[in-house]
Amino acid sequence: MSFAASPQRLAVIPIVPSQLRTSWGTVGFMVLIHALALWALLPRFWSPLALGVLLVLYWLTACIGVTLGYHRLLAHRSFRVVPWLEPLITTCGTLSCQHGPIDWAGLHRHHHLHSDDPSDHHNSHLGFWWSHFGWMLKEVPAKAHVKRLTPDLQVNAYYRWLNRNFILLQLPLAAFLWWLGQSTGAGGLALVLWGIPLRLVVVYHCTWMVNSATHRWGYVSHESHDQSKNNWWVALLTFGEGWHNNHHAYQSSARMGFRWWEIDLTWLHIKLLQRLGLASHIHLAKPLQSRRAT
């Protein structure tokens, strides 16, 4: 079932940012992680291995974890994978440190039920910075609806554990990166800084561009009753998520790039999983059903 595509809507409660409580824990975390990311850019921490670690973990957490896993697999159920693979993909999403899988999917489903209306927690009408970043620093009302919107995920004990402990998963990753850096001479601290805070900040801002930039700049191909647009450069940064107008018009579609030049790298991953016998029940938008998906 595609919860985001459901016609059911929740009560519209207009969001007034100035009236919302500040989430000081989130503010503190974001200040710390951005400061550490800037520290990582000091020349003494640079190495080809550090860059390689960042790129591999960016792909593993942003593409496999968030885009393919949290978004298309869990939030929209646009395809299925074999039972043992879904928890692994979800764990990659948790390593992105963007909430646990239940909270992420619940907030995303709420966004689709109320996209750009007054109760959308990252309503683009409230400004670029609010939709990009500001909403995360407040206690938005949408959080109260997460449990109601995620019954399919809450039955999974492992997902409940990940939801509570998503930040802790950075600790074993840090231990591995430290060992790798010390073993190779690249420096343990250097790989930790490039592999965690710097990588997280890059993943964060690229992901947030889907909420902000693609509701402001781009072109519209389909009626979606909101401000979503297709944006090529966001699509490149986010492995295909920038074809946002396509997605909002056909939310349960596993493929978001509809035209041959709308490059959707996550779709290519899903097709590979299908050919390996690891993915099935792939949903496609109606415009794609009329021609062979490539």
C-alpha atoms as a PDB file:
ATOM      1  CA  MET A   1       0.000   0.000   0.000  1.00  0.00           C
ATOM      2  CA  SER A   2       1.269   3.477  -0.817  1.00  0.00           C
ATOM      3  CA  PHE A   3       0.407   5.511   2.238  1.00  0.00           C
ATOM      4  CA  ALA A   4       1.518   8.718   0.556  1.00  0.00           C
ATOM      5  CA  ALA A   5      -0.861   8.131  -2.320  1.00  0.00           C
ATOM      6  CA  SER A   6      -3.813   7.554  -0.014  1.00  0.00           C
ATOM      7  CA  PRO A   7      -6.605  10.152  -0.328  1.00  0.00           C
ATOM      8  CA  GLN A   8      -6.907  10.264   3.464  1.00  0.00           C
ATOM      9  CA  ARG A   9      -5.858  13.603   4.928  1.00  0.00           C
ATOM     10  CA  LEU A  10      -5.235  14.695   8.461  1.00  0.00           C
ATOM     11  CA  ALA A  11      -6.629  17.814  10.070  1.00  0.00           C
ATOM     12  CA  VAL A  12      -5.065  20.948   8.586  1.00  0.00           C
ATOM     13  CA  ILE A  13      -3.315  22.832  11.392  1.00  0.00           C
ATOM     14  CA  PRO A  14      -1.492  25.875   9.973  1.00  0.00           C
ATOM     15  CA  ILE A  15       2.164  26.082  10.949  1.00  0.00           C
ATOM     16  CA  VAL A  16       3.392  29.400  12.302  1.00  0.00           C
ATOM     17  CA  PRO A  17       7.162  28.968  12.804  1.00  0.00           C
ATOM     18  CA  SER A  18       7.415  31.690  15.456  1.00  0.00           C
ATOM     19  CA  GLN A  19       4.846  29.871  17.592  1.00  0.00           C
ATOM     20  CA  LEU A  20       6.657  26.517  17.573  1.00  0.00           C
ATOM     21  CA  ARG A  21       9.027  25.428  20.318  1.00  0.00           C
ATOM     22  CA  THR A  22      12.689  25.244  19.389  1.00  0.00           C
ATOM     23  CA  SER A  23      14.270  21.792  19.480  1.00  0.00           C
ATOM     24  CA  TRP A  24      17.475  22.759  21.266  1.00  0.00           C
ATOM     25  CA  GLY A  25      18.875  19.259  21.066  1.00  0.00           C
ATOM     26  CA  THR A  26      18.649  19.371  17.271  1.00  0.00           C
ATOM     27  CA  VAL A  27      20.108  22.892  17.201  1.00  0.00           C
ATOM     28  CA  GLY A  28      23.076  21.786  19.301  1.00  0.00           C
ATOM     29  CA  PHE A  29      23.669  18.698  17.182  1.00  0.00           C
ATOM     30  CA  MET A  30      23.555  20.668  13.931  1.00  0.00           C
ATOM     31  CA  VAL A  31      25.956  23.323  15.209  1.00  0.00           C
ATOM     32  CA  LEU A  32      28.390  20.619  16.359  1.00  0.00           C
ATOM     33  CA  ILE A  33      28.226  18.536  13.179  1.00  0.00           C
ATOM     34  CA  HIS A  34      28.738  21.601  10.930  1.00  0.00           C
ATOM     35  CA  ALA A  35      31.675  22.791  13.056  1.00  0.00           C
ATOM     36  CA  LEU A  36      33.312  19.363  12.817  1.00  0.00           C
ATOM     37  CA  ALA A  37      32.718  19.326   9.053  1.00  0.00           C
ATOM     38  CA  LEU A  38      34.567  22.632   8.714  1.00  0.00           C
ATOM     39  CA  TRP A  39      37.393  21.261  10.874  1.00  0.00           C
ATOM     40  CA  ALA A  40      37.628  18.245   8.553  1.00  0.00           C
ATOM     41  CA  LEU A  41      38.475  20.589   5.660  1.00  0.00           C
ATOM     42  CA  LEU A  42      41.794  21.605   7.208  1.00  0.00           C
ATOM     43  CA  PRO A  43      44.606  20.562   4.826  1.00  0.00           C
ATOM     44  CA  ARG A  44      46.186  18.189   7.344  1.00  0.00           C
ATOM     45  CA  PHE A  45      43.169  15.895   7.213  1.00  0.00           C
ATOM     46  CA  TRP A  46      43.095  15.599   3.418  1.00  0.00           C
ATOM     47  CA  SER A  47      44.087  12.394   1.652  1.00  0.00           C
ATOM     48  CA  PRO A  48      42.848  10.413  -1.353  1.00  0.00           C
ATOM     49  CA  LEU A  49      41.637   7.738   1.071  1.00  0.00           C
ATOM     50  CA  ALA A  50      39.641  10.304   3.061  1.00  0.00           C
ATOM     51  CA  LEU A  51      37.943  11.461  -0.138  1.00  0.00           C
ATOM     52  CA  GLY A  52      37.289   7.856  -1.143  1.00  0.00           C
ATOM     53  CA  VAL A  53      35.738   7.106   2.247  1.00  0.00           C
ATOM     54  CA  LEU A  54      33.453  10.131   1.928  1.00  0.00           C
ATOM     55  CA  LEU A  55      32.315   9.179  -1.580  1.00  0.00           C
ATOM     56  CA  VAL A  56      31.680   5.513  -0.750  1.00  0.00           C
ATOM     57  CA  LEU A  57      29.744   6.379   2.398  1.00  0.00           C
ATOM     58  CA  TYR A  58      27.864   9.126   0.537  1.00  0.00           C
ATOM     59  CA  TRP A  59      26.692   6.535  -1.987  1.00  0.00           C
ATOM     60  CA  LEU A  60      25.947   3.934   0.695  1.00  0.00           C
ATOM     61  CA  THR A  61      23.956   6.261   2.945  1.00  0.00           C
ATOM     62  CA  ALA A  62      22.450   8.821   0.534  1.00  0.00           C
ATOM     63  CA  CYS A  63      21.684   6.558  -2.425  1.00  0.00           C
ATOM     64  CA  ILE A  64      21.203   3.068  -0.970  1.00  0.00           C
ATOM     65  CA  GLY A  65      20.112   4.194   2.475  1.00  0.00           C
ATOM     66  CA  VAL A  66      17.946   7.292   2.050  1.00  0.00           C
ATOM     67  CA  THR A  67      16.854   7.447  -1.583  1.00  0.00           C
ATOM     68  CA  LEU A  68      16.396   3.765  -2.342  1.00  0.00           C
ATOM     69  CA  GLY A  69      15.737   2.591   1.224  1.00  0.00           C
ATOM     70  CA  TYR A  70      14.006   5.163   3.411  1.00  0.00           C
ATOM     71  CA  HIS A  71      12.200   6.856   0.534  1.00  0.00           C
ATOM     72  CA  ARG A  72      11.215   4.478  -2.252  1.00  0.00           C
ATOM     73  CA  LEU A  73      11.255   1.208  -0.307  1.00  0.00           C
ATOM     74  CA  LEU A  74       9.911   2.139   3.139  1.00  0.00           C
ATOM     75  CA  ALA A  75       7.976   5.403   2.810  1.00  0.00           C
ATOM     76  CA  HIS A  76       6.271   4.611  -0.502  1.00  0.00           C
ATOM     77  CA  ARG A  77       6.589   0.824  -0.786  1.00  0.00           C
ATOM     78  CA  SER A  78       7.195   1.320  -4.512  1.00  0.00           C
ATOM     79  CA  PHE A  79       8.950  -2.051  -4.695  1.00  0.00           C
ATOM     80  CA  ARG A  80       9.855  -5.005  -2.501  1.00  0.00           C
ATOM     81  CA  VAL A  81      13.110  -6.763  -1.763  1.00  0.00           C
ATOM     82  CA  VAL A  82      13.866 -10.199  -0.357  1.00  0.00           C
ATOM     83  CA  PRO A  83      13.333 -10.311   3.438  1.00  0.00           C
ATOM     84  CA  TRP A  84      17.001 -10.366   4.485  1.00  0.00           C
ATOM     85  CA  LEU A  85      17.913  -7.358   2.324  1.00  0.00           C
ATOM     86  CA  GLU A  86      15.402  -4.798   3.601  1.00  0.00           C
ATOM     87  CA  PRO A  87      16.938  -4.520   7.120  1.00  0.00           C
ATOM     88  CA  LEU A  88      20.411  -4.084   5.591  1.00  0.00           C
ATOM     89  CA  ILE A  89      19.216  -1.287   3.312  1.00  0.00           C
ATOM     90  CA  THR A  90      17.349   0.308   6.224  1.00  0.00           C
ATOM     91  CA  THR A  91      20.499   0.201   8.342  1.00  0.00           C
ATOM     92  CA  CYS A  92      22.309   2.123   5.591  1.00  0.00           C
ATOM     93  CA  GLY A  93      19.553   4.730   5.794  1.00  0.00           C
ATOM     94  CA  THR A  94      19.957   4.945   9.554  1.00  0.00           C
ATOM     95  CA  LEU A  95      23.677   5.685   9.073  1.00  0.00           C
ATOM     96  CA  SER A  96      22.605   8.897   7.324  1.00  0.00           C
ATOM     97  CA  CYS A  97      21.543  10.168  10.779  1.00  0.00           C
ATOM     98  CA  GLN A  98      18.287  11.623   9.386  1.00  0.00           C
ATOM     99  CA  HIS A  99      16.023  10.223  12.100  1.00  0.00           C
ATOM    100  CA  GLY A 100      15.247   6.532  12.376  1.00  0.00           C
ATOM    101  CA  PRO A 101      13.280   4.745   9.641  1.00  0.00           C
ATOM    102  CA  ILE A 102       9.881   5.088  11.330  1.00  0.00           C
ATOM    103  CA  ASP A 103      10.162   8.823  11.962  1.00  0.00           C
ATOM    104  CA  TRP A 104      11.605   9.467   8.499  1.00  0.00           C
ATOM    105  CA  ALA A 105       8.878   7.549   6.693  1.00  0.00           C
ATOM    106  CA  GLY A 106       6.122   8.970   8.892  1.00  0.00           C
ATOM    107  CA  LEU A 107       7.183  12.568   8.355  1.00  0.00           C
ATOM    108  CA  HIS A 108       7.550  11.959   4.636  1.00  0.00           C
ATOM    109  CA  ARG A 109       4.091  10.408   4.355  1.00  0.00           C
ATOM    110  CA  HIS A 110       2.684  13.386   6.232  1.00  0.00           C
ATOM    111  CA  HIS A 111       4.410  15.723   3.768  1.00  0.00           C
ATOM    112  CA  HIS A 112       2.735  13.999   0.822  1.00  0.00           C
ATOM    113  CA  LEU A 113      -0.677  14.152   2.476  1.00  0.00           C
ATOM    114  CA  HIS A 114      -0.280  17.915   2.905  1.00  0.00           C
ATOM    115  CA  SER A 115       2.343  18.976   0.372  1.00  0.00           C
ATOM    116  CA  ASP A 116       2.727  22.770   0.471  1.00  0.00           C
ATOM    117  CA  ASP A 117      -0.505  23.321   2.351  1.00  0.00           C
ATOM    118  CA  PRO A 118      -0.450  25.249   5.677  1.00  0.00           C
ATOM    119  CA  SER A 119       0.159  22.115   7.798  1.00  0.00           C
ATOM    120  CA  ASP A 120       3.061  20.759   5.730  1.00  0.00           C
ATOM    121  CA  HIS A 121       6.050  20.795   8.094  1.00  0.00           C
ATOM    122  CA  HIS A 122       8.385  21.963   5.310  1.00  0.00           C
ATOM    123  CA  ASN A 123       5.838  24.007   3.398  1.00  0.00           C
ATOM    124  CA  SER A 124       7.774  25.815   0.651  1.00  0.00           C
ATOM    125  CA  HIS A 125       5.441  28.813   0.900  1.00  0.00           C
ATOM    126  CA  LEU A 126       7.133  29.628   4.215  1.00  0.00           C
ATOM    127  CA  GLY A 127      10.407  30.343   2.451  1.00  0.00           C
ATOM    128  CA  PHE A 128      13.485  28.581   1.137  1.00  0.00           C
ATOM    129  CA  TRP A 129      15.332  28.335   4.434  1.00  0.00           C
ATOM    130  CA  TRP A 130      12.312  27.047   6.322  1.00  0.00           C
ATOM    131  CA  SER A 131      11.743  24.209   3.843  1.00  0.00           C
ATOM    132  CA  HIS A 132      15.474  23.511   3.578  1.00  0.00           C
ATOM    133  CA  PHE A 133      16.546  23.574   7.183  1.00  0.00           C
ATOM    134  CA  GLY A 134      14.462  25.670   9.572  1.00  0.00           C
ATOM    135  CA  TRP A 135      11.645  23.192  10.150  1.00  0.00           C
ATOM    136  CA  MET A 136      14.078  20.652  11.609  1.00  0.00           C
ATOM    137  CA  LEU A 137      14.973  23.034  14.410  1.00  0.00           C
ATOM    138  CA  LYS A 138      11.368  23.240  15.640  1.00  0.00           C
ATOM    139  CA  GLU A 139       8.927  20.836  17.264  1.00  0.00           C
ATOM    140  CA  VAL A 140       6.621  20.535  14.260  1.00  0.00           C
ATOM    141  CA  PRO A 141       3.063  19.169  14.797  1.00  0.00           C
ATOM    142  CA  ALA A 142       3.609  16.491  12.114  1.00  0.00           C
ATOM    143  CA  LYS A 143       5.679  14.466  14.594  1.00  0.00           C
ATOM    144  CA  ALA A 144       2.483  13.664  16.499  1.00  0.00           C
ATOM    145  CA  HIS A 145       1.116  11.805  13.438  1.00  0.00           C
ATOM    146  CA  VAL A 146       4.115   9.546  12.802  1.00  0.00           C
ATOM    147  CA  LYS A 147       2.721   6.573  14.737  1.00  0.00           C
ATOM    148  CA  ARG A 148      -0.617   6.728  12.922  1.00  0.00           C
ATOM    149  CA  LEU A 149       1.076   6.893   9.525  1.00  0.00           C
ATOM    150  CA  THR A 150       3.559   4.033  10.011  1.00  0.00           C
ATOM    151  CA  PRO A 151       1.722   0.924  11.287  1.00  0.00           C
ATOM    152  CA  ASP A 152       3.523  -1.252   8.730  1.00  0.00           C
ATOM    153  CA  LEU A 153       6.940  -0.228  10.071  1.00  0.00           C
ATOM    154  CA  GLN A 154       6.161  -0.221  13.773  1.00  0.00           C
ATOM    155  CA  VAL A 155       5.499  -3.961  13.831  1.00  0.00           C
ATOM    156  CA  ASN A 156       9.209  -4.501  13.114  1.00  0.00           C
ATOM    157  CA  ALA A 157      11.190  -4.650  16.380  1.00  0.00           C
ATOM    158  CA  TYR A 158      14.487  -3.921  14.650  1.00  0.00           C
ATOM    159  CA  TYR A 159      13.085  -0.775  13.032  1.00  0.00           C
ATOM    160  CA  ARG A 160      11.791   0.364  16.425  1.00  0.00           C
ATOM    161  CA  TRP A 161      15.282  -0.140  17.841  1.00  0.00           C
ATOM    162  CA  LEU A 162      16.877   1.777  14.974  1.00  0.00           C
ATOM    163  CA  ASN A 163      14.368   4.567  15.462  1.00  0.00           C
ATOM    164  CA  ARG A 164      15.435   4.988  19.090  1.00  0.00           C
ATOM    165  CA  ASN A 165      19.179   4.532  18.564  1.00  0.00           C
ATOM    166  CA  PHE A 166      19.970   5.934  15.118  1.00  0.00           C
ATOM    167  CA  ILE A 167      22.693   8.280  16.392  1.00  0.00           C
ATOM    168  CA  LEU A 168      24.491   5.433  18.192  1.00  0.00           C
ATOM    169  CA  LEU A 169      25.176   3.676  14.879  1.00  0.00           C
ATOM    170  CA  GLN A 170      27.833   6.299  14.171  1.00  0.00           C
ATOM    171  CA  LEU A 171      29.969   4.815  16.984  1.00  0.00           C
ATOM    172  CA  PRO A 172      30.840   1.457  15.364  1.00  0.00           C
ATOM    173  CA  LEU A 173      31.335   3.294  12.076  1.00  0.00           C
ATOM    174  CA  ALA A 174      33.733   5.707  13.799  1.00  0.00           C
ATOM    175  CA  ALA A 175      35.631   2.791  15.335  1.00  0.00           C
ATOM    176  CA  PHE A 176      36.043   1.152  11.923  1.00  0.00           C
ATOM    177  CA  LEU A 177      37.166   4.385  10.269  1.00  0.00           C
ATOM    178  CA  TRP A 178      39.670   5.042  13.054  1.00  0.00           C
ATOM    179  CA  TRP A 179      41.131   1.553  12.627  1.00  0.00           C
ATOM    180  CA  LEU A 180      41.269   1.958   8.850  1.00  0.00           C
ATOM    181  CA  GLY A 181      43.005   5.323   9.111  1.00  0.00           C
ATOM    182  CA  GLN A 182      45.561   4.094  11.622  1.00  0.00           C
ATOM    183  CA  SER A 183      46.232   0.946   9.603  1.00  0.00           C
ATOM    184  CA  THR A 184      46.798   2.768   6.315  1.00  0.00           C
ATOM    185  CA  GLY A 185      48.632   5.819   7.607  1.00  0.00           C
ATOM    186  CA  ALA A 186      45.868   8.186   6.499  1.00  0.00           C
ATOM    187  CA  GLY A 187      45.126   8.984  10.140  1.00  0.00           C
ATOM    188  CA  GLY A 188      42.269   7.740  12.272  1.00  0.00           C
ATOM    189  CA  LEU A 189      40.937  11.188  13.114  1.00  0.00           C
ATOM    190  CA  ALA A 190      41.082  12.255   9.471  1.00  0.00           C
ATOM    191  CA  LEU A 191      38.937   9.353   8.269  1.00  0.00           C
ATOM    192  CA  VAL A 192      36.487   9.801  11.133  1.00  0.00           C
ATOM    193  CA  LEU A 193      36.078  13.494  10.286  1.00  0.00           C
ATOM    194  CA  TRP A 194      35.664  12.886   6.556  1.00  0.00           C
ATOM    195  CA  GLY A 195      33.522   9.781   6.978  1.00  0.00           C
ATOM    196  CA  ILE A 196      31.095  11.094   9.580  1.00  0.00           C
ATOM    197  CA  PRO A 197      30.616  14.872  10.134  1.00  0.00           C
ATOM    198  CA  LEU A 198      31.739  16.025   6.677  1.00  0.00           C
ATOM    199  CA  ARG A 199      29.833  13.233   4.958  1.00  0.00           C
ATOM    200  CA  LEU A 200      26.722  13.859   7.067  1.00  0.00           C
ATOM    201  CA  VAL A 201      26.694  17.582   6.254  1.00  0.00           C
ATOM    202  CA  VAL A 202      27.016  16.858   2.526  1.00  0.00           C
ATOM    203  CA  VAL A 203      24.229  14.260   2.672  1.00  0.00           C
ATOM    204  CA  TYR A 204      22.045  16.558   4.773  1.00  0.00           C
ATOM    205  CA  HIS A 205      22.178  19.543   2.456  1.00  0.00           C
ATOM    206  CA  CYS A 206      21.766  17.475  -0.703  1.00  0.00           C
ATOM    207  CA  THR A 207      18.737  15.738   0.813  1.00  0.00           C
ATOM    208  CA  TRP A 208      17.263  19.010   2.042  1.00  0.00           C
ATOM    209  CA  MET A 209      17.563  20.460  -1.462  1.00  0.00           C
ATOM    210  CA  VAL A 210      14.724  18.120  -2.426  1.00  0.00           C
ATOM    211  CA  ASN A 211      12.471  19.914   0.087  1.00  0.00           C
ATOM    212  CA  SER A 212      13.648  23.416  -0.799  1.00  0.00           C
ATOM    213  CA  ALA A 213      15.215  23.776  -4.261  1.00  0.00           C
ATOM    214  CA  THR A 214      12.837  21.423  -6.085  1.00  0.00           C
ATOM    215  CA  HIS A 215       9.862  23.343  -4.707  1.00  0.00           C
ATOM    216  CA  ARG A 216      11.316  26.576  -6.096  1.00  0.00           C
ATOM    217  CA  TRP A 217      13.365  26.007  -9.274  1.00  0.00           C
ATOM    218  CA  GLY A 218      12.766  23.732 -12.237  1.00  0.00           C
ATOM    219  CA  TYR A 219      10.033  22.740 -14.644  1.00  0.00           C
ATOM    220  CA  VAL A 220       6.616  21.139 -14.237  1.00  0.00           C
ATOM    221  CA  SER A 221       5.629  18.122 -16.318  1.00  0.00           C
ATOM    222  CA  HIS A 222       2.528  16.926 -14.429  1.00  0.00           C
ATOM    223  CA  GLU A 223      -0.228  18.405 -12.310  1.00  0.00           C
ATOM    224  CA  SER A 224       0.636  17.704  -8.669  1.00  0.00           C
ATOM    225  CA  HIS A 225      -1.384  20.384  -6.827  1.00  0.00           C
ATOM    226  CA  ASP A 226       1.721  21.762  -5.107  1.00  0.00           C
ATOM    227  CA  GLN A 227       4.955  23.618  -5.903  1.00  0.00           C
ATOM    228  CA  SER A 228       7.062  20.540  -6.765  1.00  0.00           C
ATOM    229  CA  LYS A 229       9.322  20.873  -9.810  1.00  0.00           C
ATOM    230  CA  ASN A 230      11.794  18.767 -11.761  1.00  0.00           C
ATOM    231  CA  ASN A 231      15.331  19.987 -11.182  1.00  0.00           C
ATOM    232  CA  TRP A 232      18.248  18.380 -13.048  1.00  0.00           C
ATOM    233  CA  TRP A 233      21.095  19.425 -10.752  1.00  0.00           C
ATOM    234  CA  VAL A 234      19.291  18.269  -7.613  1.00  0.00           C
ATOM    235  CA  ALA A 235      18.644  14.973  -9.416  1.00  0.00           C
ATOM    236  CA  LEU A 236      22.392  14.577 -10.015  1.00  0.00           C
ATOM    237  CA  LEU A 237      23.232  15.305  -6.378  1.00  0.00           C
ATOM    238  CA  THR A 238      20.551  12.982  -4.997  1.00  0.00           C
ATOM    239  CA  PHE A 239      20.666   9.997  -7.350  1.00  0.00           C
ATOM    240  CA  GLY A 240      17.380  10.899  -9.062  1.00  0.00           C
ATOM    241  CA  GLU A 241      15.318  12.541  -6.323  1.00  0.00           C
ATOM    242  CA  GLY A 242      15.361  15.876  -8.137  1.00  0.00           C
ATOM    243  CA  TRP A 243      12.666  14.728 -10.579  1.00  0.00           C
ATOM    244  CA  HIS A 244      10.343  15.867  -7.849  1.00  0.00           C
ATOM    245  CA  ASN A 245       7.328  16.958  -9.865  1.00  0.00           C
ATOM    246  CA  ASN A 246       7.234  13.504 -11.456  1.00  0.00           C
ATOM    247  CA  HIS A 247       7.381  11.990  -7.981  1.00  0.00           C
ATOM    248  CA  HIS A 248       4.629  14.143  -6.492  1.00  0.00           C
ATOM    249  CA  ALA A 249       2.348  13.412  -9.429  1.00  0.00           C
ATOM    250  CA  TYR A 250       3.004   9.632  -9.215  1.00  0.00           C
ATOM    251  CA  GLN A 251       4.148   9.032  -5.656  1.00  0.00           C
ATOM    252  CA  SER A 252       4.256   5.236  -5.650  1.00  0.00           C
ATOM    253  CA  SER A 253       6.415   4.970  -8.781  1.00  0.00           C
ATOM    254  CA  ALA A 254       9.809   3.342  -8.195  1.00  0.00           C
ATOM    255  CA  ARG A 255      11.152   5.275 -11.179  1.00  0.00           C
ATOM    256  CA  MET A 256      11.220   9.075 -10.940  1.00  0.00           C
ATOM    257  CA  GLY A 257      13.017  10.041 -14.129  1.00  0.00           C
ATOM    258  CA  PHE A 258      10.378   9.576 -16.844  1.00  0.00           C
ATOM    259  CA  ARG A 259      12.168  10.895 -19.941  1.00  0.00           C
ATOM    260  CA  TRP A 260      15.340   9.372 -21.354  1.00  0.00           C
ATOM    261  CA  TRP A 261      17.407  12.348 -20.263  1.00  0.00           C
ATOM    262  CA  GLU A 262      15.936  12.474 -16.743  1.00  0.00           C
ATOM    263  CA  ILE A 263      18.761  10.419 -15.247  1.00  0.00           C
ATOM    264  CA  ASP A 264      17.601   8.433 -12.230  1.00  0.00           C
ATOM    265  CA  LEU A 265      20.517   6.496 -10.779  1.00  0.00           C
ATOM    266  CA  THR A 266      18.426   5.010  -7.984  1.00  0.00           C
ATOM    267  CA  TRP A 267      16.121   3.487 -10.583  1.00  0.00           C
ATOM    268  CA  LEU A 268      19.139   1.789 -12.142  1.00  0.00           C
ATOM    269  CA  HIS A 269      19.964   0.311  -8.740  1.00  0.00           C
ATOM    270  CA  ILE A 270      16.410  -1.018  -8.414  1.00  0.00           C
ATOM    271  CA  LYS A 271      16.578  -2.543 -11.892  1.00  0.00           C
ATOM    272  CA  LEU A 272      19.859  -4.229 -10.984  1.00  0.00           C
ATOM    273  CA  LEU A 273      18.291  -5.671  -7.838  1.00  0.00           C
ATOM    274  CA  GLN A 274      15.403  -6.953  -9.965  1.00  0.00           C
ATOM    275  CA  ARG A 275      17.758  -8.658 -12.421  1.00  0.00           C
ATOM    276  CA  LEU A 276      19.590 -10.286  -9.523  1.00  0.00           C
ATOM    277  CA  GLY A 277      16.287 -11.652  -8.220  1.00  0.00           C
ATOM    278  CA  LEU A 278      16.412  -9.439  -5.124  1.00  0.00           C
ATOM    279  CA  ALA A 279      13.616  -6.964  -5.978  1.00  0.00           C
ATOM    280  CA  SER A 280      10.043  -7.494  -7.180  1.00  0.00           C
ATOM    281  CA  HIS A 281       6.554  -5.922  -7.185  1.00  0.00           C
ATOM    282  CA  ILE A 282       7.943  -2.787  -8.808  1.00  0.00           C
ATOM    283  CA  HIS A 283       5.372  -0.036  -9.255  1.00  0.00           C
ATOM    284  CA  LEU A 284       5.648   2.343 -12.193  1.00  0.00           C
ATOM    285  CA  ALA A 285       3.775   5.542 -13.028  1.00  0.00           C
ATOM    286  CA  LYS A 286       1.040   5.287 -15.651  1.00  0.00           C
ATOM    287  CA  PRO A 287       3.067   7.190 -18.277  1.00  0.00           C
ATOM    288  CA  LEU A 288       5.800   4.573 -17.881  1.00  0.00           C
ATOM    289  CA  GLN A 289       3.468   1.599 -18.044  1.00  0.00           C
ATOM    290  CA  SER A 290       2.603   2.431 -21.638  1.00  0.00           C
ATOM    291  CA  ARG A 291       6.171   1.835 -22.785  1.00  0.00           C
ATOM    292  CA  ARG A 292       8.946  -0.538 -21.858  1.00  0.00           C
ATOM    293  CA  ALA A 293      10.842   0.636 -18.756  1.00  0.00           C
ATOM    294  CA  THR A 294      14.556   0.906 -19.418  1.00  0.00           C
END
